Amino acid sequence: MKTPLVTIYITNYNYAHYIEKAIESVVNQSFKDYEVLIIDDGSTDDSREIIEKYSKNSNFQIIYQKNKGLVVTNNIALRLSQGKYIMRLDADDYLDVNALNIMVSEIESDNDLGLVF
């Protein structure tokens, strides 16, 4: 499998009402050279059923774990990330369809940049 340029990771804990919109905003990006890590941190709501809809996507990795908290979960995501660039997307946020395209274009255009948002 080719190494993706961008890793987008989504941490989730009981955001069933929002996470599908977050995930769909990534799926619908005009920029496609990415992988997605979804880490469910022990949700007790319907999050798992929603997340499972994306388990067949080849560029998705889904992890279910007992609740470890946001800091530990972020560190797990960073260890698993394969992309040159890493983006955290909160489960209750979403991206404009061109967000990755714009951010990657900016950061790739200037070697002095270390962060775009």
Protein backbone atom coordinates (compact mmCIF):
# COMPACT_ATOMS: atom_id res chain seq x y z
CA MET A 1 0.00 0.00 0.00
CA LYS A 2 1.26 3.47 -0.91
CA THR A 3 2.15 5.78 1.97
CA PRO A 4 -0.47 8.53 2.20
CA LEU A 5 0.52 12.18 2.19
CA VAL A 6 -1.95 13.00 4.97
CA THR A 7 -3.17 11.10 7.99
CA ILE A 8 -6.47 12.32 9.38
CA TYR A 9 -7.32 10.96 12.77
CA ILE A 10 -10.62 11.17 14.55
CA THR A 11 -10.91 10.38 18.23
CA ASN A 12 -14.38 9.58 19.44
CA TYR A 13 -16.05 9.17 22.79
CA ASN A 14 -19.86 9.15 22.69
CA TYR A 15 -20.24 11.45 19.69
CA ALA A 16 -22.72 9.27 17.81
CA HIS A 17 -24.81 12.33 16.91
CA TYR A 18 -21.87 13.99 15.14
CA ILE A 19 -19.29 11.46 14.00
CA GLU A 20 -20.95 10.46 10.73
CA LYS A 21 -20.84 14.07 9.51
CA ALA A 22 -17.17 14.27 10.48
CA ILE A 23 -16.31 11.05 8.65
CA GLU A 24 -18.36 11.96 5.58
CA SER A 25 -16.58 15.31 5.39
CA VAL A 26 -13.32 13.40 4.98
CA VAL A 27 -14.72 10.87 2.49
CA ASN A 28 -15.99 13.75 0.34
CA GLN A 29 -12.68 15.63 0.17
CA SER A 30 -11.51 16.75 -3.27
CA PHE A 31 -7.98 15.72 -2.14
CA LYS A 32 -7.73 11.93 -1.92
CA ASP A 33 -4.16 11.07 -0.85
CA TYR A 34 -5.00 10.36 2.78
CA GLU A 35 -5.57 7.66 5.36
CA VAL A 36 -8.09 7.87 8.16
CA LEU A 37 -7.62 6.57 11.68
CA ILE A 38 -10.75 6.43 13.80
CA ILE A 39 -10.15 5.62 17.43
CA ASP A 40 -13.23 5.00 19.49
CA ASP A 41 -12.28 5.48 23.12
CA GLY A 42 -14.81 3.19 24.76
CA SER A 43 -18.03 4.85 23.64
CA THR A 44 -21.24 3.64 25.27
CA ASP A 45 -23.61 5.21 22.74
CA ASP A 46 -24.33 4.12 19.12
CA SER A 47 -20.94 5.30 17.83
CA ARG A 48 -19.71 1.81 16.95
CA GLU A 49 -22.63 1.11 14.62
CA ILE A 50 -21.97 4.35 12.75
CA ILE A 51 -18.20 3.86 12.57
CA GLU A 52 -18.59 0.27 11.33
CA LYS A 53 -20.20 1.58 8.12
CA TYR A 54 -16.68 2.69 7.10
CA SER A 55 -14.80 -0.48 8.05
CA LYS A 56 -14.59 -1.64 4.41
CA ASN A 57 -12.84 1.54 3.22
CA SER A 58 -9.30 0.47 2.35
CA ASN A 59 -7.74 3.72 3.56
CA PHE A 60 -9.50 3.55 6.95
CA GLN A 61 -8.16 1.99 10.11
CA ILE A 62 -10.62 1.66 12.97
CA ILE A 63 -9.61 0.98 16.53
CA TYR A 64 -11.95 0.25 19.41
CA GLN A 65 -10.45 0.49 22.86
CA LYS A 66 -11.46 0.77 26.48
CA ASN A 67 -11.60 4.38 27.61
CA LYS A 68 -8.05 5.70 27.98
CA GLY A 69 -8.70 9.42 27.66
CA LEU A 70 -7.86 11.95 24.97
CA VAL A 71 -4.13 12.32 25.64
CA VAL A 72 -3.42 8.58 25.41
CA THR A 73 -5.70 8.26 22.39
CA ASN A 74 -3.95 11.12 20.59
CA ASN A 75 -0.60 9.46 21.22
CA ILE A 76 -1.89 6.17 19.82
CA ALA A 77 -3.03 7.98 16.68
CA LEU A 78 0.34 9.68 16.27
CA ARG A 79 2.17 6.34 16.59
CA LEU A 80 -0.06 4.71 13.97
CA SER A 81 0.03 7.61 11.49
CA GLN A 82 1.75 6.90 8.19
CA GLY A 83 1.27 10.27 6.48
CA LYS A 84 3.85 12.99 5.96
CA TYR A 85 1.29 15.35 7.48
CA ILE A 86 -1.08 14.66 10.35
CA MET A 87 -4.44 16.27 10.98
CA ARG A 88 -6.70 15.79 13.96
CA LEU A 89 -10.39 16.12 13.26
CA ASP A 90 -12.62 16.16 16.31
CA ALA A 91 -15.62 13.87 16.07
CA ASP A 92 -17.98 16.83 16.36
CA ASP A 93 -16.28 18.89 13.61
CA TYR A 94 -16.23 18.58 9.85
CA LEU A 95 -14.21 19.76 6.87
CA ASP A 96 -15.13 21.83 3.86
CA VAL A 97 -14.83 19.68 0.73
CA ASN A 98 -11.63 21.53 -0.31
CA ALA A 99 -10.01 21.81 3.13
CA LEU A 100 -7.28 19.21 2.60
CA ASN A 101 -6.53 20.43 -0.91
CA ILE A 102 -6.02 23.99 0.34
CA MET A 103 -3.98 23.02 3.41
CA VAL A 104 -1.73 20.59 1.53
CA SER A 105 -1.15 23.13 -1.26
CA GLU A 106 -0.11 25.73 1.31
CA ILE A 107 2.24 23.55 3.33
CA GLU A 108 3.82 21.97 0.24
CA SER A 109 4.46 25.40 -1.30
CA ASP A 110 6.81 26.63 1.44
CA ASN A 111 9.48 24.48 3.11
CA ASP A 112 9.61 26.92 6.02
CA LEU A 113 6.04 26.09 7.04
CA GLY A 114 5.54 23.56 9.78
CA LEU A 115 1.82 23.98 10.45
CA VAL A 116 -1.31 25.10 8.64
CA PHE A 117 -4.85 25.31 9.94
